[in-house]
Amino acid sequence: MHGEGLGYRRIAKRLNEMGVKTARGKEFFPASVHSILKKKKIRDERI
């Protein structure tokens, strides 16, 4: 979704509309989407 140009707020909204929950069973917020994508980017750069 981020690759499609969606911002963190829209990604969080779409995930929540789809019924996707975080690992802790909570709704997504823009900050949680940002954190996940940031960690993924760091991990991908190390590989």
C-alpha atoms as a PDB file:
ATOM      1  CA  MET A   1       0.000   0.000   0.000  1.00  0.00           C
ATOM      2  CA  HIS A   2       2.831   2.375   0.809  1.00  0.00           C
ATOM      3  CA  GLY A   3       4.356   1.513  -2.550  1.00  0.00           C
ATOM      4  CA  GLU A   4       1.080   2.653  -4.124  1.00  0.00           C
ATOM      5  CA  GLY A   5       1.622   6.103  -2.636  1.00  0.00           C
ATOM      6  CA  LEU A   6      -0.745   5.811   0.324  1.00  0.00           C
ATOM      7  CA  GLY A   7       0.177   7.687   3.479  1.00  0.00           C
ATOM      8  CA  TYR A   8       0.336   6.181   6.945  1.00  0.00           C
ATOM      9  CA  ARG A   9      -3.121   7.465   7.887  1.00  0.00           C
ATOM     10  CA  ARG A  10      -4.774   5.918   4.839  1.00  0.00           C
ATOM     11  CA  ILE A  11      -2.917   2.639   5.276  1.00  0.00           C
ATOM     12  CA  ALA A  12      -4.039   2.428   8.904  1.00  0.00           C
ATOM     13  CA  LYS A  13      -7.616   3.229   7.911  1.00  0.00           C
ATOM     14  CA  ARG A  14      -7.623   0.602   5.153  1.00  0.00           C
ATOM     15  CA  LEU A  15      -6.155  -2.085   7.410  1.00  0.00           C
ATOM     16  CA  ASN A  16      -8.766  -1.325  10.065  1.00  0.00           C
ATOM     17  CA  GLU A  17     -11.564  -1.433   7.478  1.00  0.00           C
ATOM     18  CA  MET A  18     -10.286  -4.845   6.354  1.00  0.00           C
ATOM     19  CA  GLY A  19     -10.404  -6.069   9.942  1.00  0.00           C
ATOM     20  CA  VAL A  20      -6.639  -6.584  10.207  1.00  0.00           C
ATOM     21  CA  LYS A  21      -5.333  -6.314  13.771  1.00  0.00           C
ATOM     22  CA  THR A  22      -1.865  -5.685  15.157  1.00  0.00           C
ATOM     23  CA  ALA A  23       0.088  -8.510  16.771  1.00  0.00           C
ATOM     24  CA  ARG A  24      -1.510  -7.461  20.069  1.00  0.00           C
ATOM     25  CA  GLY A  25      -5.018  -7.561  18.642  1.00  0.00           C
ATOM     26  CA  LYS A  26      -5.453  -3.778  18.462  1.00  0.00           C
ATOM     27  CA  GLU A  27      -6.433  -1.416  15.652  1.00  0.00           C
ATOM     28  CA  PHE A  28      -3.760   0.225  13.542  1.00  0.00           C
ATOM     29  CA  PHE A  29      -2.812   3.872  13.961  1.00  0.00           C
ATOM     30  CA  PRO A  30      -0.649   5.936  11.591  1.00  0.00           C
ATOM     31  CA  ALA A  31       2.245   5.804  14.076  1.00  0.00           C
ATOM     32  CA  SER A  32       2.127   2.004  14.226  1.00  0.00           C
ATOM     33  CA  VAL A  33       2.156   1.765  10.416  1.00  0.00           C
ATOM     34  CA  HIS A  34       5.131   4.147  10.315  1.00  0.00           C
ATOM     35  CA  SER A  35       6.994   2.102  12.915  1.00  0.00           C
ATOM     36  CA  ILE A  36       6.400  -1.171  11.063  1.00  0.00           C
ATOM     37  CA  LEU A  37       7.533   0.254   7.727  1.00  0.00           C
ATOM     38  CA  LYS A  38      10.588   1.900   9.305  1.00  0.00           C
ATOM     39  CA  LYS A  39      11.654  -1.391  10.917  1.00  0.00           C
ATOM     40  CA  LYS A  40      11.119  -3.235   7.621  1.00  0.00           C
ATOM     41  CA  LYS A  41      13.253  -0.688   5.768  1.00  0.00           C
ATOM     42  CA  ILE A  42      16.076  -1.012   8.317  1.00  0.00           C
ATOM     43  CA  ARG A  43      15.899  -4.811   8.139  1.00  0.00           C
ATOM     44  CA  ASP A  44      15.913  -4.773   4.318  1.00  0.00           C
ATOM     45  CA  GLU A  45      18.955  -2.484   4.265  1.00  0.00           C
ATOM     46  CA  ARG A  46      20.905  -4.918   6.442  1.00  0.00           C
ATOM     47  CA  ILE A  47      20.283  -7.827   4.071  1.00  0.00           C
END
